[in-house]
Amino acid sequence: MTATARLSELDITLPAVAAPVAAYVPALRSGDLVYTSGQLPFVDGELPATGSVGQDAAVSPDRARDYARTATLNALAAVDALVGLDSVVQVVKVVGFVASAPGFGGQPGVVNGASELLGEIFGDAGAHARSAVGVAELPLGSPVEIELIVRVAD
């Protein structure tokens, strides 16, 4: 099943590619790899929440997990606009950044929002290497940021 067919089956529509907030492109191809820039969880051009993630912080870990999923959809939209989503043959790596409140160590659970979505869409081809990194701040106060590296067919 193609990725676009699987998105349809899951009743997921890719958003429009998020406009860059600085001097970069949303995605770039080098050989058979596509690298996305860090994607924030924009919905209709707006962040649904800002602030750090933690048990007693502005954003709960569960909400941040949902935002990681949204940011991943934005990254997939950038891939789709550049090469077409159905050309993806493997998700190679996910890097997830989580704006973390002091003492919060649940970054892997938050970034699972991205990893699980990729598994739902790509099946075995969605299995990937990953980093889940806690940071003090992210651009525009975003609670999460997701980057993808995918391998595409020629």
N, C-alpha and C. Protein backbone atom coordinates (compact mmCIF):
# COMPACT_ATOMS: atom_id res chain seq x y z
N MET A 1 0.85 -1.18 0.00
CA MET A 1 0.00 0.00 0.00
C MET A 1 0.89 1.24 0.00
N THR A 2 0.54 2.23 -0.80
CA THR A 2 1.34 3.46 -0.86
C THR A 2 1.11 4.30 0.40
N ALA A 3 2.02 5.21 0.64
CA ALA A 3 1.89 6.10 1.79
C ALA A 3 0.64 6.97 1.66
N THR A 4 0.36 7.48 0.48
CA THR A 4 -0.83 8.33 0.32
C THR A 4 -2.10 7.52 0.51
N ALA A 5 -2.10 6.27 0.06
CA ALA A 5 -3.28 5.42 0.30
C ALA A 5 -3.44 5.14 1.79
N ARG A 6 -2.33 4.92 2.47
CA ARG A 6 -2.39 4.66 3.91
C ARG A 6 -2.87 5.90 4.66
N LEU A 7 -2.43 7.09 4.25
CA LEU A 7 -2.93 8.32 4.87
C LEU A 7 -4.44 8.42 4.70
N SER A 8 -4.92 8.11 3.51
CA SER A 8 -6.36 8.15 3.25
C SER A 8 -7.09 7.15 4.14
N GLU A 9 -6.53 5.95 4.25
CA GLU A 9 -7.13 4.92 5.10
C GLU A 9 -7.18 5.37 6.56
N LEU A 10 -6.16 6.09 6.99
CA LEU A 10 -6.11 6.59 8.37
C LEU A 10 -6.90 7.88 8.55
N ASP A 11 -7.48 8.40 7.47
CA ASP A 11 -8.23 9.65 7.47
C ASP A 11 -7.35 10.83 7.91
N ILE A 12 -6.13 10.85 7.36
CA ILE A 12 -5.18 11.91 7.65
C ILE A 12 -4.93 12.69 6.37
N THR A 13 -5.01 13.99 6.45
CA THR A 13 -4.70 14.87 5.33
C THR A 13 -3.43 15.63 5.68
N LEU A 14 -2.47 15.61 4.77
CA LEU A 14 -1.25 16.38 5.01
C LEU A 14 -1.57 17.86 4.94
N PRO A 15 -0.99 18.64 5.84
CA PRO A 15 -1.20 20.10 5.79
C PRO A 15 -0.40 20.72 4.65
N ALA A 16 -0.66 21.98 4.40
CA ALA A 16 0.21 22.73 3.49
C ALA A 16 1.59 22.82 4.13
N VAL A 17 2.61 22.95 3.31
CA VAL A 17 3.97 23.06 3.84
C VAL A 17 4.05 24.35 4.67
N ALA A 18 4.57 24.21 5.88
CA ALA A 18 4.73 25.37 6.76
C ALA A 18 5.78 26.31 6.17
N ALA A 19 5.47 27.58 6.16
CA ALA A 19 6.42 28.57 5.66
C ALA A 19 7.62 28.66 6.60
N PRO A 20 8.82 28.69 6.06
CA PRO A 20 10.01 28.82 6.93
C PRO A 20 9.94 30.11 7.75
N VAL A 21 10.43 30.03 8.99
CA VAL A 21 10.43 31.20 9.86
C VAL A 21 11.79 31.91 9.85
N ALA A 22 12.71 31.45 8.99
CA ALA A 22 14.03 32.07 8.86
C ALA A 22 14.58 31.73 7.47
N ALA A 23 15.89 31.80 7.29
CA ALA A 23 16.52 31.60 5.98
C ALA A 23 16.91 30.14 5.78
N TYR A 24 15.95 29.31 5.36
CA TYR A 24 16.19 27.90 5.07
C TYR A 24 15.06 27.39 4.20
N VAL A 25 15.21 26.17 3.69
CA VAL A 25 14.15 25.53 2.92
C VAL A 25 13.53 24.43 3.78
N PRO A 26 12.25 24.10 3.56
CA PRO A 26 11.60 23.07 4.38
C PRO A 26 12.21 21.67 4.24
N ALA A 27 12.71 21.35 3.03
CA ALA A 27 13.32 20.04 2.80
C ALA A 27 14.32 20.16 1.67
N LEU A 28 15.33 19.28 1.72
CA LEU A 28 16.38 19.30 0.71
C LEU A 28 16.77 17.86 0.39
N ARG A 29 16.90 17.58 -0.90
CA ARG A 29 17.32 16.24 -1.33
C ARG A 29 18.81 16.24 -1.64
N SER A 30 19.49 15.18 -1.17
CA SER A 30 20.89 14.94 -1.49
C SER A 30 21.00 13.46 -1.84
N GLY A 31 21.20 13.15 -3.12
CA GLY A 31 21.22 11.75 -3.53
C GLY A 31 19.87 11.11 -3.31
N ASP A 32 19.87 9.99 -2.59
CA ASP A 32 18.61 9.31 -2.34
C ASP A 32 18.05 9.63 -0.95
N LEU A 33 18.58 10.67 -0.31
CA LEU A 33 18.09 11.08 1.00
C LEU A 33 17.41 12.44 0.93
N VAL A 34 16.34 12.58 1.70
CA VAL A 34 15.69 13.87 1.87
C VAL A 34 15.78 14.22 3.35
N TYR A 35 16.28 15.42 3.61
CA TYR A 35 16.42 15.95 4.96
C TYR A 35 15.39 17.05 5.14
N THR A 36 14.60 16.97 6.20
CA THR A 36 13.70 18.09 6.47
C THR A 36 14.35 19.02 7.47
N SER A 37 14.02 20.28 7.36
CA SER A 37 14.37 21.23 8.41
C SER A 37 13.51 20.89 9.62
N GLY A 38 13.89 21.37 10.77
CA GLY A 38 13.08 21.15 11.96
C GLY A 38 11.69 21.72 11.74
N GLN A 39 10.69 20.92 12.02
CA GLN A 39 9.30 21.33 11.82
C GLN A 39 8.62 21.48 13.17
N LEU A 40 7.90 22.58 13.31
CA LEU A 40 7.14 22.85 14.52
C LEU A 40 5.71 22.35 14.31
N PRO A 41 4.92 22.23 15.37
CA PRO A 41 3.57 21.71 15.23
C PRO A 41 2.54 22.77 14.79
N PHE A 42 2.87 23.50 13.74
CA PHE A 42 1.93 24.51 13.24
C PHE A 42 0.63 23.86 12.78
N VAL A 43 -0.46 24.51 13.10
CA VAL A 43 -1.79 24.16 12.59
C VAL A 43 -2.36 25.44 12.02
N ASP A 44 -2.59 25.44 10.71
CA ASP A 44 -3.08 26.64 10.02
C ASP A 44 -2.21 27.86 10.31
N GLY A 45 -0.89 27.65 10.33
CA GLY A 45 0.06 28.74 10.50
C GLY A 45 0.27 29.21 11.93
N GLU A 46 -0.35 28.56 12.88
CA GLU A 46 -0.24 28.96 14.29
C GLU A 46 0.22 27.79 15.15
N LEU A 47 0.97 28.08 16.20
CA LEU A 47 1.31 27.05 17.17
C LEU A 47 0.11 26.85 18.09
N PRO A 48 -0.30 25.61 18.32
CA PRO A 48 -1.44 25.37 19.20
C PRO A 48 -1.14 25.62 20.68
N ALA A 49 0.14 25.63 21.02
CA ALA A 49 0.56 25.88 22.40
C ALA A 49 2.02 26.30 22.39
N THR A 50 2.42 26.96 23.45
CA THR A 50 3.82 27.32 23.62
C THR A 50 4.22 26.97 25.05
N GLY A 51 5.53 26.87 25.25
CA GLY A 51 6.03 26.64 26.59
C GLY A 51 6.71 25.30 26.74
N SER A 52 7.20 25.07 27.92
CA SER A 52 7.96 23.85 28.18
C SER A 52 7.03 22.70 28.53
N VAL A 53 7.59 21.50 28.42
CA VAL A 53 6.87 20.26 28.64
C VAL A 53 7.29 19.65 29.97
N GLY A 54 6.33 19.16 30.71
CA GLY A 54 6.61 18.50 31.98
C GLY A 54 5.32 18.23 32.72
N GLN A 55 5.43 17.54 33.83
CA GLN A 55 4.23 17.18 34.59
C GLN A 55 3.47 18.41 35.07
N ASP A 56 4.17 19.42 35.54
CA ASP A 56 3.52 20.62 36.05
C ASP A 56 3.87 21.85 35.23
N ALA A 57 4.20 21.63 33.96
CA ALA A 57 4.63 22.72 33.08
C ALA A 57 3.45 23.18 32.22
N ALA A 58 3.72 24.14 31.34
CA ALA A 58 2.69 24.71 30.47
C ALA A 58 2.07 23.67 29.56
N VAL A 59 2.85 22.68 29.12
CA VAL A 59 2.37 21.66 28.19
C VAL A 59 2.59 20.28 28.82
N SER A 60 1.53 19.49 28.88
CA SER A 60 1.64 18.15 29.45
C SER A 60 2.37 17.23 28.47
N PRO A 61 3.01 16.18 28.97
CA PRO A 61 3.65 15.23 28.07
C PRO A 61 2.69 14.63 27.04
N ASP A 62 1.46 14.36 27.43
CA ASP A 62 0.48 13.80 26.47
C ASP A 62 0.17 14.78 25.35
N ARG A 63 -0.02 16.04 25.69
CA ARG A 63 -0.27 17.05 24.65
C ARG A 63 0.96 17.22 23.77
N ALA A 64 2.14 17.20 24.37
CA ALA A 64 3.38 17.33 23.60
C ALA A 64 3.53 16.17 22.63
N ARG A 65 3.12 14.99 23.04
CA ARG A 65 3.17 13.82 22.16
C ARG A 65 2.30 14.06 20.92
N ASP A 66 1.11 14.62 21.13
CA ASP A 66 0.23 14.97 20.01
C ASP A 66 0.87 16.02 19.12
N TYR A 67 1.57 16.98 19.73
CA TYR A 67 2.24 18.03 18.94
C TYR A 67 3.40 17.45 18.14
N ALA A 68 4.08 16.43 18.68
CA ALA A 68 5.14 15.77 17.93
C ALA A 68 4.55 15.10 16.69
N ARG A 69 3.39 14.54 16.83
CA ARG A 69 2.68 13.93 15.68
C ARG A 69 2.36 15.00 14.64
N THR A 70 1.86 16.14 15.09
CA THR A 70 1.53 17.24 14.18
C THR A 70 2.77 17.75 13.47
N ALA A 71 3.86 17.92 14.21
CA ALA A 71 5.11 18.38 13.60
C ALA A 71 5.61 17.37 12.56
N THR A 72 5.40 16.10 12.81
CA THR A 72 5.80 15.06 11.86
C THR A 72 4.97 15.15 10.58
N LEU A 73 3.69 15.43 10.72
CA LEU A 73 2.85 15.64 9.52
C LEU A 73 3.37 16.83 8.71
N ASN A 74 3.82 17.87 9.40
CA ASN A 74 4.39 19.02 8.70
C ASN A 74 5.68 18.63 7.98
N ALA A 75 6.49 17.78 8.60
CA ALA A 75 7.72 17.30 7.94
C ALA A 75 7.37 16.44 6.73
N LEU A 76 6.38 15.59 6.87
CA LEU A 76 5.96 14.76 5.73
C LEU A 76 5.40 15.61 4.59
N ALA A 77 4.73 16.70 4.93
CA ALA A 77 4.23 17.61 3.89
C ALA A 77 5.40 18.21 3.12
N ALA A 78 6.49 18.53 3.82
CA ALA A 78 7.67 19.08 3.15
C ALA A 78 8.30 18.03 2.22
N VAL A 79 8.35 16.79 2.67
CA VAL A 79 8.87 15.70 1.83
C VAL A 79 7.97 15.53 0.61
N ASP A 80 6.68 15.52 0.84
CA ASP A 80 5.72 15.33 -0.25
C ASP A 80 5.85 16.42 -1.30
N ALA A 81 5.98 17.66 -0.85
CA ALA A 81 6.09 18.78 -1.79
C ALA A 81 7.38 18.70 -2.62
N LEU A 82 8.43 18.14 -2.04
CA LEU A 82 9.72 18.07 -2.73
C LEU A 82 9.82 16.89 -3.68
N VAL A 83 9.43 15.70 -3.23
CA VAL A 83 9.66 14.48 -4.03
C VAL A 83 8.44 13.58 -4.16
N GLY A 84 7.36 13.89 -3.47
CA GLY A 84 6.20 13.00 -3.45
C GLY A 84 6.34 11.96 -2.36
N LEU A 85 5.36 11.85 -1.52
CA LEU A 85 5.43 10.96 -0.36
C LEU A 85 5.58 9.50 -0.76
N ASP A 86 5.00 9.13 -1.89
CA ASP A 86 5.06 7.73 -2.30
C ASP A 86 6.44 7.31 -2.77
N SER A 87 7.37 8.24 -2.90
CA SER A 87 8.74 7.88 -3.27
C SER A 87 9.56 7.47 -2.05
N VAL A 88 9.04 7.65 -0.85
CA VAL A 88 9.77 7.27 0.37
C VAL A 88 9.83 5.75 0.48
N VAL A 89 11.04 5.22 0.59
CA VAL A 89 11.22 3.78 0.75
C VAL A 89 11.67 3.41 2.17
N GLN A 90 12.16 4.39 2.93
CA GLN A 90 12.57 4.12 4.31
C GLN A 90 12.67 5.42 5.09
N VAL A 91 12.13 5.42 6.28
CA VAL A 91 12.40 6.51 7.21
C VAL A 91 13.72 6.13 7.88
N VAL A 92 14.73 6.97 7.71
CA VAL A 92 16.07 6.65 8.19
C VAL A 92 16.27 7.12 9.63
N LYS A 93 15.91 8.38 9.90
CA LYS A 93 16.16 8.94 11.23
C LYS A 93 15.13 10.00 11.57
N VAL A 94 14.78 10.03 12.84
CA VAL A 94 13.94 11.07 13.42
C VAL A 94 14.75 11.74 14.52
N VAL A 95 14.76 13.06 14.51
CA VAL A 95 15.34 13.81 15.62
C VAL A 95 14.22 14.65 16.21
N GLY A 96 13.98 14.45 17.49
CA GLY A 96 12.93 15.19 18.17
C GLY A 96 13.51 16.02 19.29
N PHE A 97 13.14 17.30 19.29
CA PHE A 97 13.56 18.22 20.35
C PHE A 97 12.33 18.54 21.19
N VAL A 98 12.50 18.52 22.49
CA VAL A 98 11.40 18.79 23.42
C VAL A 98 11.84 19.90 24.36
N ALA A 99 11.10 21.00 24.35
CA ALA A 99 11.37 22.10 25.30
C ALA A 99 10.98 21.57 26.68
N SER A 100 11.96 21.29 27.50
CA SER A 100 11.73 20.54 28.73
C SER A 100 11.83 21.40 29.98
N ALA A 101 10.84 21.24 30.84
CA ALA A 101 10.87 21.88 32.14
C ALA A 101 11.98 21.23 32.97
N PRO A 102 12.53 21.94 33.95
CA PRO A 102 13.55 21.34 34.81
C PRO A 102 13.07 20.01 35.40
N GLY A 103 13.91 19.01 35.31
CA GLY A 103 13.59 17.71 35.88
C GLY A 103 12.79 16.79 34.97
N PHE A 104 12.35 17.27 33.82
CA PHE A 104 11.56 16.42 32.92
C PHE A 104 12.50 15.54 32.10
N GLY A 105 12.28 14.25 32.17
CA GLY A 105 13.10 13.29 31.42
C GLY A 105 12.28 12.41 30.49
N GLY A 106 11.08 12.83 30.18
CA GLY A 106 10.18 12.01 29.36
C GLY A 106 10.23 12.30 27.87
N GLN A 107 11.35 12.82 27.38
CA GLN A 107 11.48 13.15 25.96
C GLN A 107 11.19 11.95 25.05
N PRO A 108 11.68 10.74 25.36
CA PRO A 108 11.39 9.61 24.47
C PRO A 108 9.89 9.36 24.30
N GLY A 109 9.12 9.50 25.36
CA GLY A 109 7.67 9.30 25.26
C GLY A 109 7.00 10.35 24.40
N VAL A 110 7.49 11.59 24.49
CA VAL A 110 6.94 12.66 23.66
C VAL A 110 7.23 12.38 22.19
N VAL A 111 8.47 12.03 21.88
CA VAL A 111 8.88 11.82 20.49
C VAL A 111 8.24 10.54 19.92
N ASN A 112 7.74 9.66 20.79
CA ASN A 112 6.98 8.51 20.30
C ASN A 112 5.77 8.95 19.46
N GLY A 113 5.27 10.15 19.69
CA GLY A 113 4.18 10.65 18.85
C GLY A 113 4.58 10.69 17.39
N ALA A 114 5.83 11.02 17.12
CA ALA A 114 6.35 11.03 15.75
C ALA A 114 6.61 9.60 15.27
N SER A 115 7.31 8.82 16.07
CA SER A 115 7.71 7.48 15.67
C SER A 115 6.51 6.57 15.39
N GLU A 116 5.53 6.63 16.24
CA GLU A 116 4.36 5.77 16.05
C GLU A 116 3.57 6.16 14.81
N LEU A 117 3.46 7.45 14.53
CA LEU A 117 2.78 7.89 13.31
C LEU A 117 3.50 7.36 12.08
N LEU A 118 4.81 7.44 12.06
CA LEU A 118 5.59 6.96 10.91
C LEU A 118 5.40 5.46 10.73
N GLY A 119 5.30 4.72 11.81
CA GLY A 119 5.01 3.29 11.73
C GLY A 119 3.62 3.02 11.16
N GLU A 120 2.64 3.83 11.57
CA GLU A 120 1.29 3.67 11.05
C GLU A 120 1.23 3.91 9.55
N ILE A 121 1.98 4.89 9.09
CA ILE A 121 1.94 5.25 7.67
C ILE A 121 2.79 4.33 6.82
N PHE A 122 4.02 4.05 7.25
CA PHE A 122 4.98 3.35 6.40
C PHE A 122 5.20 1.89 6.76
N GLY A 123 4.60 1.40 7.84
CA GLY A 123 4.81 0.02 8.25
C GLY A 123 6.27 -0.22 8.58
N ASP A 124 6.82 -1.34 8.11
CA ASP A 124 8.22 -1.68 8.39
C ASP A 124 9.18 -0.62 7.87
N ALA A 125 8.84 0.05 6.79
CA ALA A 125 9.69 1.11 6.24
C ALA A 125 9.71 2.35 7.13
N GLY A 126 8.84 2.39 8.13
CA GLY A 126 8.82 3.49 9.08
C GLY A 126 9.73 3.30 10.27
N ALA A 127 10.33 2.09 10.40
CA ALA A 127 11.27 1.84 11.50
C ALA A 127 12.53 2.67 11.26
N HIS A 128 13.01 3.36 12.29
CA HIS A 128 14.07 4.34 12.10
C HIS A 128 14.97 4.45 13.32
N ALA A 129 16.15 5.03 13.10
CA ALA A 129 17.00 5.46 14.20
C ALA A 129 16.41 6.76 14.74
N ARG A 130 16.75 7.11 15.99
CA ARG A 130 16.09 8.29 16.56
C ARG A 130 16.91 8.91 17.68
N SER A 131 16.75 10.22 17.81
CA SER A 131 17.25 10.95 18.98
C SER A 131 16.08 11.72 19.56
N ALA A 132 15.97 11.75 20.88
CA ALA A 132 14.96 12.53 21.58
C ALA A 132 15.71 13.40 22.58
N VAL A 133 15.74 14.71 22.30
CA VAL A 133 16.62 15.61 23.02
C VAL A 133 15.81 16.65 23.80
N GLY A 134 16.13 16.81 25.06
CA GLY A 134 15.53 17.87 25.86
C GLY A 134 16.32 19.15 25.73
N VAL A 135 15.62 20.25 25.50
CA VAL A 135 16.27 21.56 25.36
C VAL A 135 15.54 22.58 26.21
N ALA A 136 16.22 23.70 26.46
CA ALA A 136 15.63 24.75 27.30
C ALA A 136 14.55 25.53 26.56
N GLU A 137 14.78 25.83 25.29
CA GLU A 137 13.85 26.63 24.49
C GLU A 137 13.88 26.17 23.04
N LEU A 138 12.77 26.35 22.34
CA LEU A 138 12.69 26.10 20.91
C LEU A 138 12.16 27.35 20.21
N PRO A 139 12.35 27.45 18.90
CA PRO A 139 11.88 28.63 18.17
C PRO A 139 10.40 28.93 18.44
N LEU A 140 10.12 30.20 18.58
CA LEU A 140 8.76 30.72 18.79
C LEU A 140 8.09 30.17 20.04
N GLY A 141 8.87 29.57 20.93
CA GLY A 141 8.30 29.00 22.16
C GLY A 141 7.64 27.65 21.97
N SER A 142 7.87 27.02 20.81
CA SER A 142 7.25 25.72 20.52
C SER A 142 7.64 24.69 21.57
N PRO A 143 6.72 23.79 21.92
CA PRO A 143 7.07 22.73 22.86
C PRO A 143 7.86 21.59 22.22
N VAL A 144 7.74 21.41 20.89
CA VAL A 144 8.45 20.33 20.21
C VAL A 144 8.91 20.78 18.82
N GLU A 145 9.92 20.08 18.31
CA GLU A 145 10.39 20.28 16.94
C GLU A 145 10.86 18.91 16.44
N ILE A 146 10.50 18.59 15.20
CA ILE A 146 10.83 17.29 14.62
C ILE A 146 11.56 17.46 13.30
N GLU A 147 12.63 16.68 13.12
CA GLU A 147 13.36 16.60 11.84
C GLU A 147 13.29 15.16 11.35
N LEU A 148 13.23 14.99 10.04
CA LEU A 148 13.24 13.65 9.43
C LEU A 148 14.36 13.54 8.40
N ILE A 149 14.88 12.34 8.28
CA ILE A 149 15.72 11.96 7.14
C ILE A 149 15.04 10.72 6.57
N VAL A 150 14.71 10.78 5.27
CA VAL A 150 14.09 9.65 4.61
C VAL A 150 14.88 9.28 3.36
N ARG A 151 14.86 8.00 3.02
CA ARG A 151 15.47 7.52 1.78
C ARG A 151 14.36 7.39 0.75
N VAL A 152 14.62 7.87 -0.46
CA VAL A 152 13.62 7.84 -1.51
C VAL A 152 14.11 7.06 -2.71
N ALA A 153 13.16 6.57 -3.50
CA ALA A 153 13.48 5.86 -4.74
C ALA A 153 13.99 6.85 -5.76
N ASP A 154 14.75 6.36 -6.70
CA ASP A 154 15.30 7.23 -7.76
C ASP A 154 14.24 7.83 -8.62
